[in-house]
PDB file of N, CA and C in Angstrom:
ATOM      1  N   MET A   1       0.846  -1.188   0.000  1.00  0.00           N
ATOM      2  CA  MET A   1       0.000   0.000   0.000  1.00  0.00           C
ATOM      3  C   MET A   1       0.883   1.239   0.000  1.00  0.00           C
ATOM      4  N   ALA A   2       0.564   2.214  -0.810  1.00  0.00           N
ATOM      5  CA  ALA A   2       1.340   3.453  -0.915  1.00  0.00           C
ATOM      6  C   ALA A   2       1.299   4.212   0.404  1.00  0.00           C
ATOM      7  N   GLY A   3       2.406   4.870   0.735  1.00  0.00           N
ATOM      8  CA  GLY A   3       2.454   5.713   1.918  1.00  0.00           C
ATOM      9  C   GLY A   3       2.939   5.002   3.172  1.00  0.00           C
ATOM     10  N   ARG A   4       3.108   3.695   3.113  1.00  0.00           N
ATOM     11  CA  ARG A   4       3.603   2.981   4.288  1.00  0.00           C
ATOM     12  C   ARG A   4       5.106   3.126   4.376  1.00  0.00           C
ATOM     13  N   SER A   5       5.597   3.238   5.603  1.00  0.00           N
ATOM     14  CA  SER A   5       7.035   3.275   5.816  1.00  0.00           C
ATOM     15  C   SER A   5       7.344   2.617   7.153  1.00  0.00           C
ATOM     16  N   ALA A   6       8.549   2.144   7.288  1.00  0.00           N
ATOM     17  CA  ALA A   6       8.986   1.519   8.530  1.00  0.00           C
ATOM     18  C   ALA A   6      10.021   2.413   9.189  1.00  0.00           C
ATOM     19  N   GLY A   7      10.051   2.388  10.478  1.00  0.00           N
ATOM     20  CA  GLY A   7      11.079   3.085  11.226  1.00  0.00           C
ATOM     21  C   GLY A   7      11.990   2.060  11.870  1.00  0.00           C
ATOM     22  N   ASN A   8      13.089   2.515  12.421  1.00  0.00           N
ATOM     23  CA  ASN A   8      14.013   1.650  13.133  1.00  0.00           C
ATOM     24  C   ASN A   8      14.338   2.317  14.455  1.00  0.00           C
ATOM     25  N   ILE A   9      13.862   1.734  15.533  1.00  0.00           N
ATOM     26  CA  ILE A   9      13.990   2.344  16.857  1.00  0.00           C
ATOM     27  C   ILE A   9      15.445   2.449  17.307  1.00  0.00           C
ATOM     28  N   LEU A  10      16.324   1.611  16.763  1.00  0.00           N
ATOM     29  CA  LEU A  10      17.729   1.632  17.167  1.00  0.00           C
ATOM     30  C   LEU A  10      18.611   2.499  16.282  1.00  0.00           C
ATOM     31  N   ARG A  11      18.082   2.980  15.155  1.00  0.00           N
ATOM     32  CA  ARG A  11      18.867   3.865  14.282  1.00  0.00           C
ATOM     33  C   ARG A  11      18.856   5.269  14.886  1.00  0.00           C
ATOM     34  N   LEU A  12      20.023   5.759  15.203  1.00  0.00           N
ATOM     35  CA  LEU A  12      20.140   7.065  15.853  1.00  0.00           C
ATOM     36  C   LEU A  12      20.639   8.107  14.861  1.00  0.00           C
ATOM     37  N   PRO A  13      20.264   9.367  15.100  1.00  0.00           N
ATOM     38  CA  PRO A  13      20.797  10.429  14.245  1.00  0.00           C
ATOM     39  C   PRO A  13      22.313  10.517  14.396  1.00  0.00           C
ATOM     40  N   ASP A  14      22.978  11.068  13.390  1.00  0.00           N
ATOM     41  CA  ASP A  14      24.434  11.216  13.439  1.00  0.00           C
ATOM     42  C   ASP A  14      24.881  12.065  14.620  1.00  0.00           C
ATOM     43  N   THR A  15      24.096  13.077  14.949  1.00  0.00           N
ATOM     44  CA  THR A  15      24.405  13.954  16.077  1.00  0.00           C
ATOM     45  C   THR A  15      23.208  13.970  17.025  1.00  0.00           C
ATOM     46  N   LEU A  16      23.461  13.639  18.285  1.00  0.00           N
ATOM     47  CA  LEU A  16      22.399  13.666  19.294  1.00  0.00           C
ATOM     48  C   LEU A  16      22.405  15.016  20.006  1.00  0.00           C
ATOM     49  N   PRO A  17      21.237  15.497  20.414  1.00  0.00           N
ATOM     50  CA  PRO A  17      21.173  16.781  21.128  1.00  0.00           C
ATOM     51  C   PRO A  17      21.791  16.640  22.519  1.00  0.00           C
ATOM     52  N   PRO A  18      22.142  17.761  23.166  1.00  0.00           N
ATOM     53  CA  PRO A  18      22.728  17.695  24.513  1.00  0.00           C
ATOM     54  C   PRO A  18      21.732  17.182  25.562  1.00  0.00           C
ATOM     55  N   ASP A  19      20.446  17.370  25.312  1.00  0.00           N
ATOM     56  CA  ASP A  19      19.408  16.856  26.201  1.00  0.00           C
ATOM     57  C   ASP A  19      18.911  15.527  25.654  1.00  0.00           C
ATOM     58  N   GLU A  20      18.092  14.852  26.433  1.00  0.00           N
ATOM     59  CA  GLU A  20      17.507  13.611  25.940  1.00  0.00           C
ATOM     60  C   GLU A  20      16.724  13.861  24.658  1.00  0.00           C
ATOM     61  N   LEU A  21      16.756  12.896  23.773  1.00  0.00           N
ATOM     62  CA  LEU A  21      15.952  12.935  22.555  1.00  0.00           C
ATOM     63  C   LEU A  21      14.669  12.167  22.849  1.00  0.00           C
ATOM     64  N   VAL A  22      13.529  12.838  22.742  1.00  0.00           N
ATOM     65  CA  VAL A  22      12.237  12.211  23.003  1.00  0.00           C
ATOM     66  C   VAL A  22      11.393  12.351  21.747  1.00  0.00           C
ATOM     67  N   GLU A  23      10.965  11.196  21.194  1.00  0.00           N
ATOM     68  CA  GLU A  23      10.188  11.193  19.955  1.00  0.00           C
ATOM     69  C   GLU A  23       8.921  10.377  20.152  1.00  0.00           C
ATOM     70  N   ALA A  24       7.779  10.974  19.819  1.00  0.00           N
ATOM     71  CA  ALA A  24       6.520  10.229  19.819  1.00  0.00           C
ATOM     72  C   ALA A  24       6.501   9.326  18.595  1.00  0.00           C
ATOM     73  N   LEU A  25       6.329   8.024  18.811  1.00  0.00           N
ATOM     74  CA  LEU A  25       6.278   7.063  17.709  1.00  0.00           C
ATOM     75  C   LEU A  25       4.849   6.737  17.306  1.00  0.00           C
ATOM     76  N   ALA A  26       3.957   6.733  18.292  1.00  0.00           N
ATOM     77  CA  ALA A  26       2.540   6.439  18.037  1.00  0.00           C
ATOM     78  C   ALA A  26       1.737   7.017  19.184  1.00  0.00           C
ATOM     79  N   ARG A  27       0.520   7.376  18.884  1.00  0.00           N
ATOM     80  CA  ARG A  27      -0.372   7.902  19.929  1.00  0.00           C
ATOM     81  C   ARG A  27      -1.803   7.571  19.560  1.00  0.00           C
ATOM     82  N   GLY A  28      -2.616   7.497  20.548  1.00  0.00           N
ATOM     83  CA  GLY A  28      -4.036   7.248  20.354  1.00  0.00           C
ATOM     84  C   GLY A  28      -4.772   7.766  21.570  1.00  0.00           C
ATOM     85  N   GLU A  29      -6.033   7.477  21.647  1.00  0.00           N
ATOM     86  CA  GLU A  29      -6.833   7.967  22.763  1.00  0.00           C
ATOM     87  C   GLU A  29      -6.294   7.376  24.064  1.00  0.00           C
ATOM     88  N   GLY A  30      -5.655   8.221  24.861  1.00  0.00           N
ATOM     89  CA  GLY A  30      -5.161   7.813  26.163  1.00  0.00           C
ATOM     90  C   GLY A  30      -3.882   6.998  26.160  1.00  0.00           C
ATOM     91  N   VAL A  31      -3.183   6.928  25.029  1.00  0.00           N
ATOM     92  CA  VAL A  31      -1.927   6.178  24.989  1.00  0.00           C
ATOM     93  C   VAL A  31      -0.884   6.932  24.166  1.00  0.00           C
ATOM     94  N   LEU A  32       0.362   6.861  24.617  1.00  0.00           N
ATOM     95  CA  LEU A  32       1.482   7.480  23.918  1.00  0.00           C
ATOM     96  C   LEU A  32       2.646   6.501  23.945  1.00  0.00           C
ATOM     97  N   VAL A  33       3.249   6.267  22.785  1.00  0.00           N
ATOM     98  CA  VAL A  33       4.438   5.428  22.670  1.00  0.00           C
ATOM     99  C   VAL A  33       5.586   6.335  22.240  1.00  0.00           C
ATOM    100  N   GLU A  34       6.685   6.304  23.007  1.00  0.00           N
ATOM    101  CA  GLU A  34       7.815   7.185  22.741  1.00  0.00           C
ATOM    102  C   GLU A  34       9.114   6.400  22.649  1.00  0.00           C
ATOM    103  N   ARG A  35      10.049   6.951  21.878  1.00  0.00           N
ATOM    104  CA  ARG A  35      11.441   6.529  21.941  1.00  0.00           C
ATOM    105  C   ARG A  35      12.172   7.630  22.689  1.00  0.00           C
ATOM    106  N   ILE A  36      12.953   7.233  23.671  1.00  0.00           N
ATOM    107  CA  ILE A  36      13.770   8.168  24.434  1.00  0.00           C
ATOM    108  C   ILE A  36      15.217   7.717  24.296  1.00  0.00           C
ATOM    109  N   VAL A  37      16.083   8.654  23.934  1.00  0.00           N
ATOM    110  CA  VAL A  37      17.507   8.355  23.838  1.00  0.00           C
ATOM    111  C   VAL A  37      18.225   9.221  24.870  1.00  0.00           C
ATOM    112  N   SER A  38      18.877   8.553  25.815  1.00  0.00           N
ATOM    113  CA  SER A  38      19.614   9.230  26.887  1.00  0.00           C
ATOM    114  C   SER A  38      21.099   9.022  26.683  1.00  0.00           C
ATOM    115  N   THR A  39      21.858  10.058  26.934  1.00  0.00           N
ATOM    116  CA  THR A  39      23.316   9.986  26.768  1.00  0.00           C
ATOM    117  C   THR A  39      24.000  10.552  28.004  1.00  0.00           C
ATOM    118  N   GLY A  40      23.735   9.927  29.139  1.00  0.00           N
ATOM    119  CA  GLY A  40      24.351  10.369  30.384  1.00  0.00           C
ATOM    120  C   GLY A  40      23.465  11.260  31.238  1.00  0.00           C
ATOM    121  N   GLN A  41      22.245  11.537  30.802  1.00  0.00           N
ATOM    122  CA  GLN A  41      21.360  12.395  31.579  1.00  0.00           C
ATOM    123  C   GLN A  41      20.834  11.658  32.823  1.00  0.00           C
ATOM    124  N   ALA A  42      20.458  12.444  33.817  1.00  0.00           N
ATOM    125  CA  ALA A  42      19.860  11.937  35.049  1.00  0.00           C
ATOM    126  C   ALA A  42      18.887  12.993  35.562  1.00  0.00           C
ATOM    127  N   THR A  43      17.997  12.579  36.442  1.00  0.00           N
ATOM    128  CA  THR A  43      17.077  13.521  37.079  1.00  0.00           C
ATOM    129  C   THR A  43      17.894  14.452  37.980  1.00  0.00           C
ATOM    130  N   ALA A  44      17.562  15.727  37.967  1.00  0.00           N
ATOM    131  CA  ALA A  44      18.291  16.710  38.781  1.00  0.00           C
ATOM    132  C   ALA A  44      18.231  16.331  40.262  1.00  0.00           C
ATOM    133  N   PRO A  45      19.318  16.566  41.005  1.00  0.00           N
ATOM    134  CA  PRO A  45      19.336  16.246  42.435  1.00  0.00           C
ATOM    135  C   PRO A  45      18.153  16.882  43.168  1.00  0.00           C
ATOM    136  N   GLY A  46      17.524  16.099  44.020  1.00  0.00           N
ATOM    137  CA  GLY A  46      16.396  16.596  44.817  1.00  0.00           C
ATOM    138  C   GLY A  46      15.062  16.583  44.109  1.00  0.00           C
ATOM    139  N   GLU A  47      15.038  16.301  42.803  1.00  0.00           N
ATOM    140  CA  GLU A  47      13.780  16.257  42.054  1.00  0.00           C
ATOM    141  C   GLU A  47      13.282  14.824  41.930  1.00  0.00           C
ATOM    142  N   TRP A  48      11.958  14.690  41.832  1.00  0.00           N
ATOM    143  CA  TRP A  48      11.315  13.400  41.628  1.00  0.00           C
ATOM    144  C   TRP A  48      10.413  13.487  40.412  1.00  0.00           C
ATOM    145  N   LEU A  49      10.321  12.389  39.694  1.00  0.00           N
ATOM    146  CA  LEU A  49       9.414  12.291  38.554  1.00  0.00           C
ATOM    147  C   LEU A  49       8.133  11.593  39.007  1.00  0.00           C
ATOM    148  N   THR A  50       7.004  12.095  38.571  1.00  0.00           N
ATOM    149  CA  THR A  50       5.707  11.441  38.803  1.00  0.00           C
ATOM    150  C   THR A  50       4.877  11.643  37.545  1.00  0.00           C
ATOM    151  N   GLY A  51       4.364  10.565  37.006  1.00  0.00           N
ATOM    152  CA  GLY A  51       3.568  10.663  35.798  1.00  0.00           C
ATOM    153  C   GLY A  51       2.085  10.645  36.097  1.00  0.00           C
ATOM    154  N   GLU A  52       1.317  11.262  35.222  1.00  0.00           N
ATOM    155  CA  GLU A  52      -0.146  11.218  35.345  1.00  0.00           C
ATOM    156  C   GLU A  52      -0.704   9.910  34.818  1.00  0.00           C
ATOM    157  N   LEU A  53       0.077   9.222  33.965  1.00  0.00           N
ATOM    158  CA  LEU A  53      -0.317   7.929  33.422  1.00  0.00           C
ATOM    159  C   LEU A  53       0.687   6.874  33.869  1.00  0.00           C
ATOM    160  N   ASP A  54       0.278   5.606  33.848  1.00  0.00           N
ATOM    161  CA  ASP A  54       1.221   4.523  34.064  1.00  0.00           C
ATOM    162  C   ASP A  54       2.250   4.580  32.938  1.00  0.00           C
ATOM    163  N   GLU A  55       3.479   4.170  33.239  1.00  0.00           N
ATOM    164  CA  GLU A  55       4.538   4.163  32.223  1.00  0.00           C
ATOM    165  C   GLU A  55       5.246   2.812  32.254  1.00  0.00           C
ATOM    166  N   TRP A  56       5.191   2.122  31.122  1.00  0.00           N
ATOM    167  CA  TRP A  56       5.918   0.876  30.953  1.00  0.00           C
ATOM    168  C   TRP A  56       7.094   1.197  30.053  1.00  0.00           C
ATOM    169  N   VAL A  57       8.308   0.874  30.520  1.00  0.00           N
ATOM    170  CA  VAL A  57       9.497   1.161  29.724  1.00  0.00           C
ATOM    171  C   VAL A  57      10.355  -0.094  29.595  1.00  0.00           C
ATOM    172  N   VAL A  58      10.977  -0.228  28.436  1.00  0.00           N
ATOM    173  CA  VAL A  58      11.966  -1.280  28.213  1.00  0.00           C
ATOM    174  C   VAL A  58      13.239  -0.601  27.732  1.00  0.00           C
ATOM    175  N   LEU A  59      14.360  -1.031  28.280  1.00  0.00           N
ATOM    176  CA  LEU A  59      15.652  -0.499  27.870  1.00  0.00           C
ATOM    177  C   LEU A  59      16.183  -1.382  26.752  1.00  0.00           C
ATOM    178  N   LEU A  60      16.382  -0.805  25.578  1.00  0.00           N
ATOM    179  CA  LEU A  60      16.819  -1.562  24.410  1.00  0.00           C
ATOM    180  C   LEU A  60      18.337  -1.579  24.242  1.00  0.00           C
ATOM    181  N   SER A  61      19.010  -0.538  24.706  1.00  0.00           N
ATOM    182  CA  SER A  61      20.473  -0.505  24.680  1.00  0.00           C
ATOM    183  C   SER A  61      20.964   0.391  25.799  1.00  0.00           C
ATOM    184  N   GLY A  62      22.219   0.186  26.194  1.00  0.00           N
ATOM    185  CA  GLY A  62      22.805   0.977  27.265  1.00  0.00           C
ATOM    186  C   GLY A  62      22.507   0.390  28.634  1.00  0.00           C
ATOM    187  N   GLU A  63      22.813   1.163  29.665  1.00  0.00           N
ATOM    188  CA  GLU A  63      22.565   0.793  31.051  1.00  0.00           C
ATOM    189  C   GLU A  63      22.005   2.008  31.775  1.00  0.00           C
ATOM    190  N   ALA A  64      21.147   1.747  32.770  1.00  0.00           N
ATOM    191  CA  ALA A  64      20.527   2.838  33.518  1.00  0.00           C
ATOM    192  C   ALA A  64      20.228   2.390  34.941  1.00  0.00           C
ATOM    193  N   GLU A  65      20.037   3.367  35.810  1.00  0.00           N
ATOM    194  CA  GLU A  65      19.611   3.105  37.180  1.00  0.00           C
ATOM    195  C   GLU A  65      18.428   4.001  37.501  1.00  0.00           C
ATOM    196  N   LEU A  66      17.396   3.400  38.077  1.00  0.00           N
ATOM    197  CA  LEU A  66      16.231   4.129  38.575  1.00  0.00           C
ATOM    198  C   LEU A  66      16.200   3.986  40.087  1.00  0.00           C
ATOM    199  N   SER A  67      15.773   5.020  40.776  1.00  0.00           N
ATOM    200  CA  SER A  67      15.563   4.918  42.220  1.00  0.00           C
ATOM    201  C   SER A  67      14.136   5.344  42.529  1.00  0.00           C
ATOM    202  N   TYR A  68      13.674   4.862  43.671  1.00  0.00           N
ATOM    203  CA  TYR A  68      12.288   5.097  44.083  1.00  0.00           C
ATOM    204  C   TYR A  68      12.269   5.767  45.445  1.00  0.00           C
ATOM    205  N   ASP A  69      11.142   6.382  45.745  1.00  0.00           N
ATOM    206  CA  ASP A  69      10.935   7.118  46.986  1.00  0.00           C
ATOM    207  C   ASP A  69      11.170   6.245  48.223  1.00  0.00           C
ATOM    208  N   ASP A  70      10.974   4.934  48.094  1.00  0.00           N
ATOM    209  CA  ASP A  70      11.168   4.031  49.242  1.00  0.00           C
ATOM    210  C   ASP A  70      12.631   3.657  49.452  1.00  0.00           C
ATOM    211  N   GLY A  71      13.539   4.221  48.643  1.00  0.00           N
ATOM    212  CA  GLY A  71      14.961   3.963  48.790  1.00  0.00           C
ATOM    213  C   GLY A  71      15.488   2.841  47.917  1.00  0.00           C
ATOM    214  N   SER A  72      14.625   2.150  47.200  1.00  0.00           N
ATOM    215  CA  SER A  72      15.098   1.046  46.362  1.00  0.00           C
ATOM    216  C   SER A  72      15.756   1.575  45.088  1.00  0.00           C
ATOM    217  N   LEU A  73      16.700   0.784  44.582  1.00  0.00           N
ATOM    218  CA  LEU A  73      17.449   1.126  43.376  1.00  0.00           C
ATOM    219  C   LEU A  73      17.312  -0.030  42.397  1.00  0.00           C
ATOM    220  N   LEU A  74      17.050   0.288  41.145  1.00  0.00           N
ATOM    221  CA  LEU A  74      16.854  -0.715  40.112  1.00  0.00           C
ATOM    222  C   LEU A  74      17.844  -0.472  38.989  1.00  0.00           C
ATOM    223  N   ARG A  75      18.749  -1.453  38.750  1.00  0.00           N
ATOM    224  CA  ARG A  75      19.719  -1.369  37.656  1.00  0.00           C
ATOM    225  C   ARG A  75      19.100  -2.038  36.436  1.00  0.00           C
ATOM    226  N   LEU A  76      19.167  -1.368  35.296  1.00  0.00           N
ATOM    227  CA  LEU A  76      18.585  -1.891  34.064  1.00  0.00           C
ATOM    228  C   LEU A  76      19.659  -2.109  33.015  1.00  0.00           C
ATOM    229  N   GLU A  77      19.558  -3.245  32.319  1.00  0.00           N
ATOM    230  CA  GLU A  77      20.418  -3.593  31.193  1.00  0.00           C
ATOM    231  C   GLU A  77      19.523  -3.846  29.996  1.00  0.00           C
ATOM    232  N   PRO A  78      20.093  -3.954  28.796  1.00  0.00           N
ATOM    233  CA  PRO A  78      19.260  -4.176  27.613  1.00  0.00           C
ATOM    234  C   PRO A  78      18.309  -5.361  27.786  1.00  0.00           C
ATOM    235  N   GLY A  79      17.061  -5.105  27.454  1.00  0.00           N
ATOM    236  CA  GLY A  79      16.015  -6.116  27.576  1.00  0.00           C
ATOM    237  C   GLY A  79      15.208  -6.009  28.856  1.00  0.00           C
ATOM    238  N   ASP A  80      15.719  -5.295  29.869  1.00  0.00           N
ATOM    239  CA  ASP A  80      14.982  -5.141  31.123  1.00  0.00           C
ATOM    240  C   ASP A  80      13.835  -4.157  30.937  1.00  0.00           C
ATOM    241  N   TYR A  81      12.719  -4.454  31.581  1.00  0.00           N
ATOM    242  CA  TYR A  81      11.574  -3.547  31.523  1.00  0.00           C
ATOM    243  C   TYR A  81      10.994  -3.381  32.914  1.00  0.00           C
ATOM    244  N   VAL A  82      10.247  -2.299  33.075  1.00  0.00           N
ATOM    245  CA  VAL A  82       9.638  -1.982  34.364  1.00  0.00           C
ATOM    246  C   VAL A  82       8.354  -1.202  34.128  1.00  0.00           C
ATOM    247  N   LEU A  83       7.399  -1.402  35.016  1.00  0.00           N
ATOM    248  CA  LEU A  83       6.160  -0.639  35.004  1.00  0.00           C
ATOM    249  C   LEU A  83       6.195   0.335  36.178  1.00  0.00           C
ATOM    250  N   VAL A  84       6.079   1.612  35.871  1.00  0.00           N
ATOM    251  CA  VAL A  84       6.029   2.655  36.906  1.00  0.00           C
ATOM    252  C   VAL A  84       4.590   3.158  36.962  1.00  0.00           C
ATOM    253  N   PRO A  85       3.858   2.825  38.033  1.00  0.00           N
ATOM    254  CA  PRO A  85       2.463   3.273  38.129  1.00  0.00           C
ATOM    255  C   PRO A  85       2.349   4.799  38.188  1.00  0.00           C
ATOM    256  N   ALA A  86       1.251   5.304  37.707  1.00  0.00           N
ATOM    257  CA  ALA A  86       0.984   6.745  37.758  1.00  0.00           C
ATOM    258  C   ALA A  86       1.151   7.242  39.190  1.00  0.00           C
ATOM    259  N   GLY A  87       1.812   8.372  39.333  1.00  0.00           N
ATOM    260  CA  GLY A  87       1.981   8.999  40.637  1.00  0.00           C
ATOM    261  C   GLY A  87       3.124   8.461  41.470  1.00  0.00           C
ATOM    262  N   GLU A  88       3.771   7.371  41.070  1.00  0.00           N
ATOM    263  CA  GLU A  88       4.878   6.830  41.866  1.00  0.00           C
ATOM    264  C   GLU A  88       6.117   7.696  41.687  1.00  0.00           C
ATOM    265  N   ARG A  89       6.654   8.161  42.805  1.00  0.00           N
ATOM    266  CA  ARG A  89       7.845   9.013  42.763  1.00  0.00           C
ATOM    267  C   ARG A  89       9.066   8.161  42.444  1.00  0.00           C
ATOM    268  N   HIS A  90       9.790   8.586  41.401  1.00  0.00           N
ATOM    269  CA  HIS A  90      10.988   7.875  40.984  1.00  0.00           C
ATOM    270  C   HIS A  90      11.952   8.864  40.349  1.00  0.00           C
ATOM    271  N   ARG A  91      13.201   8.416  40.192  1.00  0.00           N
ATOM    272  CA  ARG A  91      14.238   9.255  39.601  1.00  0.00           C
ATOM    273  C   ARG A  91      15.073   8.405  38.653  1.00  0.00           C
ATOM    274  N   VAL A  92      15.613   9.021  37.638  1.00  0.00           N
ATOM    275  CA  VAL A  92      16.633   8.389  36.814  1.00  0.00           C
ATOM    276  C   VAL A  92      17.963   8.809  37.428  1.00  0.00           C
ATOM    277  N   GLU A  93      18.657   7.849  38.034  1.00  0.00           N
ATOM    278  CA  GLU A  93      19.915   8.156  38.716  1.00  0.00           C
ATOM    279  C   GLU A  93      21.073   8.269  37.729  1.00  0.00           C
ATOM    280  N   SER A  94      21.065   7.417  36.698  1.00  0.00           N
ATOM    281  CA  SER A  94      22.149   7.466  35.721  1.00  0.00           C
ATOM    282  C   SER A  94      21.723   6.769  34.436  1.00  0.00           C
ATOM    283  N   THR A  95      22.331   7.208  33.338  1.00  0.00           N
ATOM    284  CA  THR A  95      22.175   6.555  32.039  1.00  0.00           C
ATOM    285  C   THR A  95      23.544   6.530  31.375  1.00  0.00           C
ATOM    286  N   SER A  96      23.821   5.482  30.632  1.00  0.00           N
ATOM    287  CA  SER A  96      25.111   5.406  29.939  1.00  0.00           C
ATOM    288  C   SER A  96      25.108   6.329  28.721  1.00  0.00           C
ATOM    289  N   ALA A  97      26.288   6.829  28.402  1.00  0.00           N
ATOM    290  CA  ALA A  97      26.437   7.675  27.219  1.00  0.00           C
ATOM    291  C   ALA A  97      26.970   6.873  26.038  1.00  0.00           C
ATOM    292  N   ASP A  98      27.779   5.860  26.330  1.00  0.00           N
ATOM    293  CA  ASP A  98      28.374   5.047  25.269  1.00  0.00           C
ATOM    294  C   ASP A  98      28.349   3.593  25.702  1.00  0.00           C
ATOM    295  N   PRO A  99      27.375   2.836  25.277  1.00  0.00           N
ATOM    296  CA  PRO A  99      26.389   3.205  24.261  1.00  0.00           C
ATOM    297  C   PRO A  99      25.259   4.030  24.870  1.00  0.00           C
ATOM    298  N   PRO A 100      24.578   4.805  24.041  1.00  0.00           N
ATOM    299  CA  PRO A 100      23.417   5.559  24.534  1.00  0.00           C
ATOM    300  C   PRO A 100      22.326   4.612  25.031  1.00  0.00           C
ATOM    301  N   CYS A 101      21.523   5.108  25.946  1.00  0.00           N
ATOM    302  CA  CYS A 101      20.342   4.370  26.387  1.00  0.00           C
ATOM    303  C   CYS A 101      19.224   4.644  25.391  1.00  0.00           C
ATOM    304  N   VAL A 102      18.669   3.594  24.831  1.00  0.00           N
ATOM    305  CA  VAL A 102      17.502   3.715  23.976  1.00  0.00           C
ATOM    306  C   VAL A 102      16.355   3.035  24.716  1.00  0.00           C
ATOM    307  N   TRP A 103      15.335   3.822  25.028  1.00  0.00           N
ATOM    308  CA  TRP A 103      14.169   3.352  25.763  1.00  0.00           C
ATOM    309  C   TRP A 103      12.957   3.336  24.833  1.00  0.00           C
ATOM    310  N   LEU A 104      12.083   2.387  25.046  1.00  0.00           N
ATOM    311  CA  LEU A 104      10.744   2.402  24.456  1.00  0.00           C
ATOM    312  C   LEU A 104       9.800   2.575  25.626  1.00  0.00           C
ATOM    313  N   ALA A 105       9.021   3.651  25.608  1.00  0.00           N
ATOM    314  CA  ALA A 105       8.116   3.972  26.714  1.00  0.00           C
ATOM    315  C   ALA A 105       6.672   3.973  26.216  1.00  0.00           C
ATOM    316  N   VAL A 106       5.811   3.332  26.983  1.00  0.00           N
ATOM    317  CA  VAL A 106       4.381   3.327  26.696  1.00  0.00           C
ATOM    318  C   VAL A 106       3.681   3.969  27.882  1.00  0.00           C
ATOM    319  N   HIS A 107       2.956   5.060  27.621  1.00  0.00           N
ATOM    320  CA  HIS A 107       2.220   5.796  28.651  1.00  0.00           C
ATOM    321  C   HIS A 107       0.731   5.548  28.424  1.00  0.00           C
ATOM    322  N   ALA A 108       0.044   5.042  29.434  1.00  0.00           N
ATOM    323  CA  ALA A 108      -1.406   4.783  29.305  1.00  0.00           C
ATOM    324  C   ALA A 108      -1.979   4.580  30.704  1.00  0.00           C
ATOM    325  N   ALA A 109      -3.277   4.709  30.838  1.00  0.00           N
ATOM    326  CA  ALA A 109      -3.944   4.459  32.117  1.00  0.00           C
ATOM    327  C   ALA A 109      -4.277   2.972  32.219  1.00  0.00           C
ATOM    328  N   GLY A 110      -4.201   2.458  33.443  1.00  0.00           N
ATOM    329  CA  GLY A 110      -4.646   1.097  33.706  1.00  0.00           C
ATOM    330  C   GLY A 110      -3.702   0.003  33.283  1.00  0.00           C
ATOM    331  N   LEU A 111      -2.408   0.310  33.088  1.00  0.00           N
ATOM    332  CA  LEU A 111      -1.448  -0.736  32.734  1.00  0.00           C
ATOM    333  C   LEU A 111      -1.195  -1.622  33.942  1.00  0.00           C
ATOM    334  N   ARG A 112      -1.002  -2.915  33.708  1.00  0.00           N
ATOM    335  CA  ARG A 112      -0.690  -3.860  34.771  1.00  0.00           C
ATOM    336  C   ARG A 112       0.429  -4.770  34.290  1.00  0.00           C
ATOM    337  N   SER A 113       1.200  -5.270  35.243  1.00  0.00           N
ATOM    338  CA  SER A 113       2.259  -6.215  34.869  1.00  0.00           C
ATOM    339  C   SER A 113       1.844  -7.625  35.239  1.00  0.00           C
TER     340      SER A 113
END
């Protein structure tokens, strides 16, 4: 069918921006699918992230660490995934720069693991 095209979630631009690269890949009523490329970024000290929607993320390349309000720390390697419920306080403690972290994130209400 004319007009169809494929993307490649692991193909990165030749030059990455200094901040995280966040791209919407698909969206629909109440759902957003994003590719996030991190190159050493982390949540600012003292800040917490809380989403209005549940967020399911899988790390496709690189390494990362997430921390939670309860003091727990989660190390992620390629293939690891996690569900962060809406409103749960969490932080990105670290992301690798080489190789970059490539995340696939799905934001939606009512996600369960």
